[in-house]
PDB file of all heavy atoms in Angstrom:
ATOM      1  N   PHE A   1     -32.286 -70.072 301.413  1.00  0.00           N
ATOM      2  CA  PHE A   1     -33.572 -69.679 301.964  1.00  0.00           C
ATOM      3  C   PHE A   1     -33.445 -68.204 302.311  1.00  0.00           C
ATOM      4  O   PHE A   1     -32.480 -67.771 302.938  1.00  0.00           O
ATOM      5  CB  PHE A   1     -33.877 -70.480 303.238  1.00  0.00           C
ATOM      6  CG  PHE A   1     -35.072 -69.964 304.004  1.00  0.00           C
ATOM      7  CD1 PHE A   1     -36.310 -70.542 303.815  1.00  0.00           C
ATOM      8  CD2 PHE A   1     -34.937 -68.924 304.911  1.00  0.00           C
ATOM      9  CE1 PHE A   1     -37.394 -70.072 304.528  1.00  0.00           C
ATOM     10  CE2 PHE A   1     -36.035 -68.429 305.577  1.00  0.00           C
ATOM     11  CZ  PHE A   1     -37.269 -69.011 305.406  1.00  0.00           C
ATOM     12  N   LEU A   2     -34.420 -67.415 301.903  1.00  0.00           N
ATOM     13  CA  LEU A   2     -34.430 -65.985 302.282  1.00  0.00           C
ATOM     14  C   LEU A   2     -35.862 -65.523 302.513  1.00  0.00           C
ATOM     15  O   LEU A   2     -36.632 -65.469 301.590  1.00  0.00           O
ATOM     16  CB  LEU A   2     -33.747 -65.131 301.196  1.00  0.00           C
ATOM     17  CG  LEU A   2     -33.278 -63.729 301.675  1.00  0.00           C
ATOM     18  CD1 LEU A   2     -32.178 -63.188 300.769  1.00  0.00           C
ATOM     19  CD2 LEU A   2     -34.439 -62.758 301.733  1.00  0.00           C
ATOM     20  N   ASP A   3     -36.167 -65.237 303.764  1.00  0.00           N
ATOM     21  CA  ASP A   3     -37.469 -64.734 304.150  1.00  0.00           C
ATOM     22  C   ASP A   3     -37.361 -63.229 304.364  1.00  0.00           C
ATOM     23  O   ASP A   3     -36.648 -62.748 305.238  1.00  0.00           O
ATOM     24  CB  ASP A   3     -37.922 -65.435 305.437  1.00  0.00           C
ATOM     25  CG  ASP A   3     -39.272 -64.990 305.924  1.00  0.00           C
ATOM     26  OD1 ASP A   3     -39.922 -64.184 305.204  1.00  0.00           O
ATOM     27  OD2 ASP A   3     -39.700 -65.431 306.986  1.00  0.00           O
ATOM     28  N   VAL A   4     -38.055 -62.450 303.515  1.00  0.00           N
ATOM     29  CA  VAL A   4     -38.014 -61.002 303.613  1.00  0.00           C
ATOM     30  C   VAL A   4     -38.888 -60.474 304.793  1.00  0.00           C
ATOM     31  O   VAL A   4     -38.788 -59.336 305.139  1.00  0.00           O
ATOM     32  CB  VAL A   4     -38.449 -60.314 302.334  1.00  0.00           C
ATOM     33  CG1 VAL A   4     -37.442 -60.555 301.230  1.00  0.00           C
ATOM     34  CG2 VAL A   4     -39.848 -60.751 301.899  1.00  0.00           C
ATOM     35  N   GLY A   5     -39.704 -61.356 305.359  1.00  0.00           N
ATOM     36  CA  GLY A   5     -40.484 -60.964 306.513  1.00  0.00           C
ATOM     37  C   GLY A   5     -41.778 -60.245 306.143  1.00  0.00           C
ATOM     38  O   GLY A   5     -42.045 -59.879 305.006  1.00  0.00           O
ATOM     39  N   GLY A   6     -42.565 -59.990 307.199  1.00  0.00           N
ATOM     40  CA  GLY A   6     -43.896 -59.398 307.002  1.00  0.00           C
ATOM     41  C   GLY A   6     -43.838 -57.896 306.804  1.00  0.00           C
ATOM     42  O   GLY A   6     -44.875 -57.295 306.440  1.00  0.00           O
ATOM     43  N   THR A   7     -42.725 -57.281 307.056  1.00  0.00           N
ATOM     44  CA  THR A   7     -42.615 -55.816 306.925  1.00  0.00           C
ATOM     45  C   THR A   7     -41.706 -55.406 305.786  1.00  0.00           C
ATOM     46  O   THR A   7     -41.111 -54.329 305.798  1.00  0.00           O
ATOM     47  CB  THR A   7     -42.116 -55.153 308.230  1.00  0.00           C
ATOM     48  OG1 THR A   7     -40.837 -55.727 308.556  1.00  0.00           O
ATOM     49  CG2 THR A   7     -43.094 -55.425 309.379  1.00  0.00           C
ATOM     50  N   ALA A   8     -41.606 -56.293 304.806  1.00  0.00           N
ATOM     51  CA  ALA A   8     -40.662 -56.039 303.694  1.00  0.00           C
ATOM     52  C   ALA A   8     -41.041 -54.770 302.944  1.00  0.00           C
ATOM     53  O   ALA A   8     -42.180 -54.513 302.644  1.00  0.00           O
ATOM     54  CB  ALA A   8     -40.697 -57.219 302.741  1.00  0.00           C
ATOM     55  N   ASP A   9     -39.999 -53.980 302.636  1.00  0.00           N
ATOM     56  CA  ASP A   9     -40.192 -52.784 301.799  1.00  0.00           C
ATOM     57  C   ASP A   9     -39.197 -52.844 300.659  1.00  0.00           C
ATOM     58  O   ASP A   9     -38.415 -53.803 300.515  1.00  0.00           O
ATOM     59  CB  ASP A   9     -39.996 -51.490 302.639  1.00  0.00           C
ATOM     60  CG  ASP A   9     -38.663 -51.457 303.352  1.00  0.00           C
ATOM     61  OD1 ASP A   9     -37.744 -52.234 302.998  1.00  0.00           O
ATOM     62  OD2 ASP A   9     -38.538 -50.679 304.309  1.00  0.00           O
ATOM     63  N   ALA A  10     -39.178 -51.826 299.829  1.00  0.00           N
ATOM     64  CA  ALA A  10     -38.339 -51.807 298.627  1.00  0.00           C
ATOM     65  C   ALA A  10     -36.864 -51.950 298.987  1.00  0.00           C
ATOM     66  O   ALA A  10     -36.102 -52.665 298.331  1.00  0.00           O
ATOM     67  CB  ALA A  10     -38.586 -50.548 297.844  1.00  0.00           C
ATOM     68  N   SER A  11     -36.451 -51.283 300.064  1.00  0.00           N
ATOM     69  CA  SER A  11     -35.051 -51.288 300.465  1.00  0.00           C
ATOM     70  C   SER A  11     -34.622 -52.700 300.872  1.00  0.00           C
ATOM     71  O   SER A  11     -33.521 -53.151 300.469  1.00  0.00           O
ATOM     72  CB  SER A  11     -34.840 -50.321 301.616  1.00  0.00           C
ATOM     73  OG  SER A  11     -33.533 -50.428 302.121  1.00  0.00           O
ATOM     74  N   ARG A  12     -35.446 -53.384 301.630  1.00  0.00           N
ATOM     75  CA  ARG A  12     -35.095 -54.726 302.087  1.00  0.00           C
ATOM     76  C   ARG A  12     -35.054 -55.702 300.929  1.00  0.00           C
ATOM     77  O   ARG A  12     -34.178 -56.572 300.876  1.00  0.00           O
ATOM     78  CB  ARG A  12     -36.076 -55.205 303.135  1.00  0.00           C
ATOM     79  CG  ARG A  12     -35.728 -56.557 303.710  1.00  0.00           C
ATOM     80  CD  ARG A  12     -36.653 -56.993 304.822  1.00  0.00           C
ATOM     81  NE  ARG A  12     -36.510 -56.146 305.985  1.00  0.00           N
ATOM     82  CZ  ARG A  12     -37.137 -56.341 307.130  1.00  0.00           C
ATOM     83  NH1 ARG A  12     -37.974 -57.361 307.257  1.00  0.00           N
ATOM     84  NH2 ARG A  12     -36.955 -55.545 308.168  1.00  0.00           N
ATOM     85  N   VAL A  13     -35.953 -55.573 299.957  1.00  0.00           N
ATOM     86  CA  VAL A  13     -35.957 -56.441 298.822  1.00  0.00           C
ATOM     87  C   VAL A  13     -34.701 -56.241 297.978  1.00  0.00           C
ATOM     88  O   VAL A  13     -34.077 -57.201 297.501  1.00  0.00           O
ATOM     89  CB  VAL A  13     -37.218 -56.218 297.932  1.00  0.00           C
ATOM     90  CG1 VAL A  13     -37.126 -56.994 296.633  1.00  0.00           C
ATOM     91  CG2 VAL A  13     -38.486 -56.620 298.711  1.00  0.00           C
ATOM     92  N   GLU A  14     -34.301 -54.967 297.848  1.00  0.00           N
ATOM     93  CA  GLU A  14     -33.050 -54.695 297.080  1.00  0.00           C
ATOM     94  C   GLU A  14     -31.848 -55.334 297.776  1.00  0.00           C
ATOM     95  O   GLU A  14     -30.972 -55.934 297.135  1.00  0.00           O
ATOM     96  CB  GLU A  14     -32.835 -53.194 296.949  1.00  0.00           C
ATOM     97  CG  GLU A  14     -31.575 -52.857 296.182  1.00  0.00           C
ATOM     98  CD  GLU A  14     -31.338 -51.378 295.983  1.00  0.00           C
ATOM     99  OE1 GLU A  14     -32.317 -50.607 296.077  1.00  0.00           O
ATOM    100  OE2 GLU A  14     -30.182 -50.997 295.752  1.00  0.00           O
ATOM    101  N   LYS A  15     -31.795 -55.241 299.104  1.00  0.00           N
ATOM    102  CA  LYS A  15     -30.695 -55.876 299.842  1.00  0.00           C
ATOM    103  C   LYS A  15     -30.672 -57.378 299.627  1.00  0.00           C
ATOM    104  O   LYS A  15     -29.626 -58.023 299.514  1.00  0.00           O
ATOM    105  CB  LYS A  15     -30.799 -55.549 301.342  1.00  0.00           C
ATOM    106  CG  LYS A  15     -30.482 -54.104 301.663  1.00  0.00           C
ATOM    107  CD  LYS A  15     -30.747 -53.810 303.144  1.00  0.00           C
ATOM    108  CE  LYS A  15     -30.423 -52.334 303.455  1.00  0.00           C
ATOM    109  NZ  LYS A  15     -30.740 -52.016 304.896  1.00  0.00           N
ATOM    110  N   ALA A  16     -31.870 -57.971 299.584  1.00  0.00           N
ATOM    111  CA  ALA A  16     -31.984 -59.417 299.364  1.00  0.00           C
ATOM    112  C   ALA A  16     -31.423 -59.787 297.989  1.00  0.00           C
ATOM    113  O   ALA A  16     -30.678 -60.767 297.843  1.00  0.00           O
ATOM    114  CB  ALA A  16     -33.478 -59.850 299.441  1.00  0.00           C
ATOM    115  N   PHE A  17     -31.761 -58.977 296.980  1.00  0.00           N
ATOM    116  CA  PHE A  17     -31.247 -59.260 295.646  1.00  0.00           C
ATOM    117  C   PHE A  17     -29.713 -59.141 295.611  1.00  0.00           C
ATOM    118  O   PHE A  17     -29.041 -59.979 294.993  1.00  0.00           O
ATOM    119  CB  PHE A  17     -31.844 -58.270 294.642  1.00  0.00           C
ATOM    120  CG  PHE A  17     -33.072 -58.771 293.940  1.00  0.00           C
ATOM    121  CD1 PHE A  17     -34.327 -58.508 294.439  1.00  0.00           C
ATOM    122  CD2 PHE A  17     -32.960 -59.554 292.809  1.00  0.00           C
ATOM    123  CE1 PHE A  17     -35.464 -58.962 293.825  1.00  0.00           C
ATOM    124  CE2 PHE A  17     -34.095 -60.043 292.150  1.00  0.00           C
ATOM    125  CZ  PHE A  17     -35.349 -59.739 292.691  1.00  0.00           C
ATOM    126  N   ARG A  18     -29.201 -58.128 296.259  1.00  0.00           N
ATOM    127  CA  ARG A  18     -27.736 -57.922 296.222  1.00  0.00           C
ATOM    128  C   ARG A  18     -27.006 -59.122 296.849  1.00  0.00           C
ATOM    129  O   ARG A  18     -25.942 -59.542 296.387  1.00  0.00           O
ATOM    130  CB  ARG A  18     -27.399 -56.625 296.976  1.00  0.00           C
ATOM    131  CG  ARG A  18     -27.789 -55.356 296.198  1.00  0.00           C
ATOM    132  CD  ARG A  18     -27.307 -54.104 296.901  1.00  0.00           C
ATOM    133  NE  ARG A  18     -27.669 -52.912 296.153  1.00  0.00           N
ATOM    134  CZ  ARG A  18     -26.956 -52.394 295.142  1.00  0.00           C
ATOM    135  NH1 ARG A  18     -25.833 -52.998 294.793  1.00  0.00           N
ATOM    136  NH2 ARG A  18     -27.357 -51.277 294.546  1.00  0.00           N
ATOM    137  N   ILE A  19     -27.560 -59.629 297.966  1.00  0.00           N
ATOM    138  CA  ILE A  19     -26.916 -60.788 298.613  1.00  0.00           C
ATOM    139  C   ILE A  19     -26.985 -62.010 297.726  1.00  0.00           C
ATOM    140  O   ILE A  19     -25.985 -62.716 297.544  1.00  0.00           O
ATOM    141  CB  ILE A  19     -27.579 -61.044 299.976  1.00  0.00           C
ATOM    142  CG1 ILE A  19     -27.279 -59.906 300.964  1.00  0.00           C
ATOM    143  CG2 ILE A  19     -27.131 -62.393 300.563  1.00  0.00           C
ATOM    144  CD1 ILE A  19     -28.097 -59.930 302.248  1.00  0.00           C
ATOM    145  N   ILE A  20     -28.149 -62.300 297.160  1.00  0.00           N
ATOM    146  CA  ILE A  20     -28.309 -63.494 296.309  1.00  0.00           C
ATOM    147  C   ILE A  20     -27.412 -63.407 295.113  1.00  0.00           C
ATOM    148  O   ILE A  20     -26.790 -64.410 294.684  1.00  0.00           O
ATOM    149  CB  ILE A  20     -29.770 -63.658 295.892  1.00  0.00           C
ATOM    150  CG1 ILE A  20     -30.616 -64.079 297.109  1.00  0.00           C
ATOM    151  CG2 ILE A  20     -29.927 -64.692 294.805  1.00  0.00           C
ATOM    152  CD1 ILE A  20     -32.075 -64.159 296.857  1.00  0.00           C
ATOM    153  N   LEU A  21     -27.278 -62.244 294.495  1.00  0.00           N
ATOM    154  CA  LEU A  21     -26.487 -62.098 293.281  1.00  0.00           C
ATOM    155  C   LEU A  21     -24.981 -62.215 293.503  1.00  0.00           C
ATOM    156  O   LEU A  21     -24.238 -62.383 292.548  1.00  0.00           O
ATOM    157  CB  LEU A  21     -26.796 -60.754 292.624  1.00  0.00           C
ATOM    158  CG  LEU A  21     -28.196 -60.644 291.951  1.00  0.00           C
ATOM    159  CD1 LEU A  21     -28.513 -59.227 291.562  1.00  0.00           C
ATOM    160  CD2 LEU A  21     -28.271 -61.564 290.749  1.00  0.00           C
ATOM    161  N   LYS A  22     -24.559 -62.196 294.748  1.00  0.00           N
ATOM    162  CA  LYS A  22     -23.161 -62.417 295.055  1.00  0.00           C
ATOM    163  C   LYS A  22     -22.777 -63.903 294.991  1.00  0.00           C
ATOM    164  O   LYS A  22     -21.598 -64.251 294.926  1.00  0.00           O
ATOM    165  CB  LYS A  22     -22.824 -61.862 296.449  1.00  0.00           C
ATOM    166  CG  LYS A  22     -22.815 -60.359 296.570  1.00  0.00           C
ATOM    167  CD  LYS A  22     -22.442 -59.872 297.938  1.00  0.00           C
ATOM    168  CE  LYS A  22     -22.451 -58.352 298.024  1.00  0.00           C
ATOM    169  NZ  LYS A  22     -22.076 -57.862 299.382  1.00  0.00           N
ATOM    170  N   ASP A  23     -23.795 -64.751 294.969  1.00  0.00           N
ATOM    171  CA  ASP A  23     -23.585 -66.196 294.892  1.00  0.00           C
ATOM    172  C   ASP A  23     -23.362 -66.554 293.426  1.00  0.00           C
ATOM    173  O   ASP A  23     -24.306 -66.485 292.612  1.00  0.00           O
ATOM    174  CB  ASP A  23     -24.760 -66.926 295.457  1.00  0.00           C
ATOM    175  CG  ASP A  23     -24.571 -68.442 295.525  1.00  0.00           C
ATOM    176  OD1 ASP A  23     -23.573 -68.939 294.925  1.00  0.00           O
ATOM    177  OD2 ASP A  23     -25.386 -69.107 296.186  1.00  0.00           O
ATOM    178  N   ILE A  24     -22.161 -66.957 293.082  1.00  0.00           N
ATOM    179  CA  ILE A  24     -21.839 -67.236 291.635  1.00  0.00           C
ATOM    180  C   ILE A  24     -22.560 -68.464 291.138  1.00  0.00           C
ATOM    181  O   ILE A  24     -22.615 -68.690 289.904  1.00  0.00           O
ATOM    182  CB  ILE A  24     -20.304 -67.406 291.473  1.00  0.00           C
ATOM    183  CG1 ILE A  24     -19.797 -68.584 292.317  1.00  0.00           C
ATOM    184  CG2 ILE A  24     -19.569 -66.125 291.793  1.00  0.00           C
ATOM    185  CD1 ILE A  24     -18.326 -68.911 292.054  1.00  0.00           C
ATOM    186  N   ASN A  25     -23.116 -69.276 292.003  1.00  0.00           N
ATOM    187  CA  ASN A  25     -23.828 -70.455 291.565  1.00  0.00           C
ATOM    188  C   ASN A  25     -25.285 -70.194 291.115  1.00  0.00           C
ATOM    189  O   ASN A  25     -25.929 -71.047 290.523  1.00  0.00           O
ATOM    190  CB  ASN A  25     -23.877 -71.521 292.691  1.00  0.00           C
ATOM    191  CG  ASN A  25     -22.489 -72.015 293.063  1.00  0.00           C
ATOM    192  OD1 ASN A  25     -21.651 -72.239 292.179  1.00  0.00           O
ATOM    193  ND2 ASN A  25     -22.207 -72.164 294.346  1.00  0.00           N
ATOM    194  N   VAL A  26     -25.773 -68.998 291.434  1.00  0.00           N
ATOM    195  CA  VAL A  26     -27.168 -68.697 291.125  1.00  0.00           C
ATOM    196  C   VAL A  26     -27.349 -68.500 289.611  1.00  0.00           C
ATOM    197  O   VAL A  26     -26.708 -67.633 289.026  1.00  0.00           O
ATOM    198  CB  VAL A  26     -27.637 -67.433 291.909  1.00  0.00           C
ATOM    199  CG1 VAL A  26     -28.974 -66.955 291.417  1.00  0.00           C
ATOM    200  CG2 VAL A  26     -27.712 -67.767 293.384  1.00  0.00           C
ATOM    201  N   LYS A  27     -28.280 -69.236 289.023  1.00  0.00           N
ATOM    202  CA  LYS A  27     -28.581 -69.142 287.584  1.00  0.00           C
ATOM    203  C   LYS A  27     -29.931 -68.489 287.326  1.00  0.00           C
ATOM    204  O   LYS A  27     -30.243 -68.118 286.188  1.00  0.00           O
ATOM    205  CB  LYS A  27     -28.554 -70.545 286.956  1.00  0.00           C
ATOM    206  CG  LYS A  27     -27.290 -71.339 287.197  1.00  0.00           C
ATOM    207  CD  LYS A  27     -26.075 -70.585 286.698  1.00  0.00           C
ATOM    208  CE  LYS A  27     -24.801 -71.399 286.968  1.00  0.00           C
ATOM    209  NZ  LYS A  27     -23.570 -70.619 286.652  1.00  0.00           N
ATOM    210  N   ALA A  28     -30.740 -68.356 288.397  1.00  0.00           N
ATOM    211  CA  ALA A  28     -32.056 -67.729 288.247  1.00  0.00           C
ATOM    212  C   ALA A  28     -32.504 -67.339 289.666  1.00  0.00           C
ATOM    213  O   ALA A  28     -32.031 -67.875 290.668  1.00  0.00           O
ATOM    214  CB  ALA A  28     -33.082 -68.663 287.630  1.00  0.00           C
ATOM    215  N   ILE A  29     -33.462 -66.386 289.731  1.00  0.00           N
ATOM    216  CA  ILE A  29     -33.988 -65.959 291.013  1.00  0.00           C
ATOM    217  C   ILE A  29     -35.535 -66.077 290.942  1.00  0.00           C
ATOM    218  O   ILE A  29     -36.149 -65.576 290.003  1.00  0.00           O
ATOM    219  CB  ILE A  29     -33.609 -64.499 291.368  1.00  0.00           C
ATOM    220  CG1 ILE A  29     -32.104 -64.364 291.482  1.00  0.00           C
ATOM    221  CG2 ILE A  29     -34.297 -64.039 292.644  1.00  0.00           C
ATOM    222  CD1 ILE A  29     -31.609 -62.967 291.721  1.00  0.00           C
ATOM    223  N   LEU A  30     -36.094 -66.742 291.945  1.00  0.00           N
ATOM    224  CA  LEU A  30     -37.522 -66.906 292.020  1.00  0.00           C
ATOM    225  C   LEU A  30     -38.020 -66.083 293.228  1.00  0.00           C
ATOM    226  O   LEU A  30     -37.636 -66.303 294.372  1.00  0.00           O
ATOM    227  CB  LEU A  30     -37.922 -68.372 292.206  1.00  0.00           C
ATOM    228  CG  LEU A  30     -39.393 -68.652 292.491  1.00  0.00           C
ATOM    229  CD1 LEU A  30     -40.290 -68.110 291.380  1.00  0.00           C
ATOM    230  CD2 LEU A  30     -39.628 -70.144 292.683  1.00  0.00           C
ATOM    231  N   VAL A  31     -38.901 -65.137 292.937  1.00  0.00           N
ATOM    232  CA  VAL A  31     -39.553 -64.320 293.983  1.00  0.00           C
ATOM    233  C   VAL A  31     -40.971 -64.857 294.145  1.00  0.00           C
ATOM    234  O   VAL A  31     -41.762 -64.807 293.199  1.00  0.00           O
ATOM    235  CB  VAL A  31     -39.565 -62.826 293.639  1.00  0.00           C
ATOM    236  CG1 VAL A  31     -40.230 -62.019 294.751  1.00  0.00           C
ATOM    237  CG2 VAL A  31     -38.176 -62.323 293.392  1.00  0.00           C
ATOM    238  N   ASN A  32     -41.315 -65.377 295.288  1.00  0.00           N
ATOM    239  CA  ASN A  32     -42.626 -65.962 295.529  1.00  0.00           C
ATOM    240  C   ASN A  32     -43.209 -65.322 296.798  1.00  0.00           C
ATOM    241  O   ASN A  32     -42.826 -65.692 297.920  1.00  0.00           O
ATOM    242  CB  ASN A  32     -42.495 -67.466 295.677  1.00  0.00           C
ATOM    243  CG  ASN A  32     -43.874 -68.141 295.754  1.00  0.00           C
ATOM    244  OD1 ASN A  32     -44.871 -67.536 295.352  1.00  0.00           O
ATOM    245  ND2 ASN A  32     -43.896 -69.377 296.216  1.00  0.00           N
ATOM    246  N   ILE A  33     -44.116 -64.385 296.601  1.00  0.00           N
ATOM    247  CA  ILE A  33     -44.712 -63.653 297.710  1.00  0.00           C
ATOM    248  C   ILE A  33     -46.193 -63.889 297.728  1.00  0.00           C
ATOM    249  O   ILE A  33     -46.871 -63.664 296.725  1.00  0.00           O
ATOM    250  CB  ILE A  33     -44.437 -62.139 297.596  1.00  0.00           C
ATOM    251  CG1 ILE A  33     -42.911 -61.867 297.562  1.00  0.00           C
ATOM    252  CG2 ILE A  33     -45.104 -61.370 298.751  1.00  0.00           C
ATOM    253  CD1 ILE A  33     -42.189 -62.184 298.836  1.00  0.00           C
ATOM    254  N   PHE A  34     -46.669 -64.301 298.874  1.00  0.00           N
ATOM    255  CA  PHE A  34     -48.139 -64.388 299.084  1.00  0.00           C
ATOM    256  C   PHE A  34     -48.454 -63.352 300.150  1.00  0.00           C
ATOM    257  O   PHE A  34     -48.242 -63.554 301.308  1.00  0.00           O
ATOM    258  CB  PHE A  34     -48.560 -65.784 299.514  1.00  0.00           C
ATOM    259  CG  PHE A  34     -50.055 -65.946 299.512  1.00  0.00           C
ATOM    260  CD1 PHE A  34     -50.738 -66.278 298.350  1.00  0.00           C
ATOM    261  CD2 PHE A  34     -50.787 -65.753 300.666  1.00  0.00           C
ATOM    262  CE1 PHE A  34     -52.109 -66.412 298.329  1.00  0.00           C
ATOM    263  CE2 PHE A  34     -52.189 -65.903 300.661  1.00  0.00           C
ATOM    264  CZ  PHE A  34     -52.822 -66.246 299.506  1.00  0.00           C
ATOM    265  N   GLY A  35     -48.934 -62.210 299.697  1.00  0.00           N
ATOM    266  CA  GLY A  35     -49.074 -61.036 300.551  1.00  0.00           C
ATOM    267  C   GLY A  35     -50.269 -61.085 301.452  1.00  0.00           C
ATOM    268  O   GLY A  35     -51.394 -61.067 301.002  1.00  0.00           O
ATOM    269  N   GLY A  36     -50.024 -61.117 302.737  1.00  0.00           N
ATOM    270  CA  GLY A  36     -51.049 -60.892 303.726  1.00  0.00           C
ATOM    271  C   GLY A  36     -50.695 -59.600 304.430  1.00  0.00           C
ATOM    272  O   GLY A  36     -51.190 -58.523 304.086  1.00  0.00           O
ATOM    273  N   ILE A  37     -49.702 -59.708 305.294  1.00  0.00           N
ATOM    274  CA  ILE A  37     -49.104 -58.512 305.891  1.00  0.00           C
ATOM    275  C   ILE A  37     -48.243 -57.816 304.849  1.00  0.00           C
ATOM    276  O   ILE A  37     -48.210 -56.580 304.766  1.00  0.00           O
ATOM    277  CB  ILE A  37     -48.283 -58.855 307.159  1.00  0.00           C
ATOM    278  CG1 ILE A  37     -49.196 -59.530 308.193  1.00  0.00           C
ATOM    279  CG2 ILE A  37     -47.617 -57.616 307.715  1.00  0.00           C
ATOM    280  CD1 ILE A  37     -48.446 -60.042 309.393  1.00  0.00           C
TER     281      ILE A  37
END
């Protein structure tokens, strides 16, 4: 589970990707954003 929060910017999204990609079990990444804030 990874919630980028309501103030997500490019830097935070990149950090999220870097953390997820360290997991050797990950075979795909799904980004699902419904933008309000």
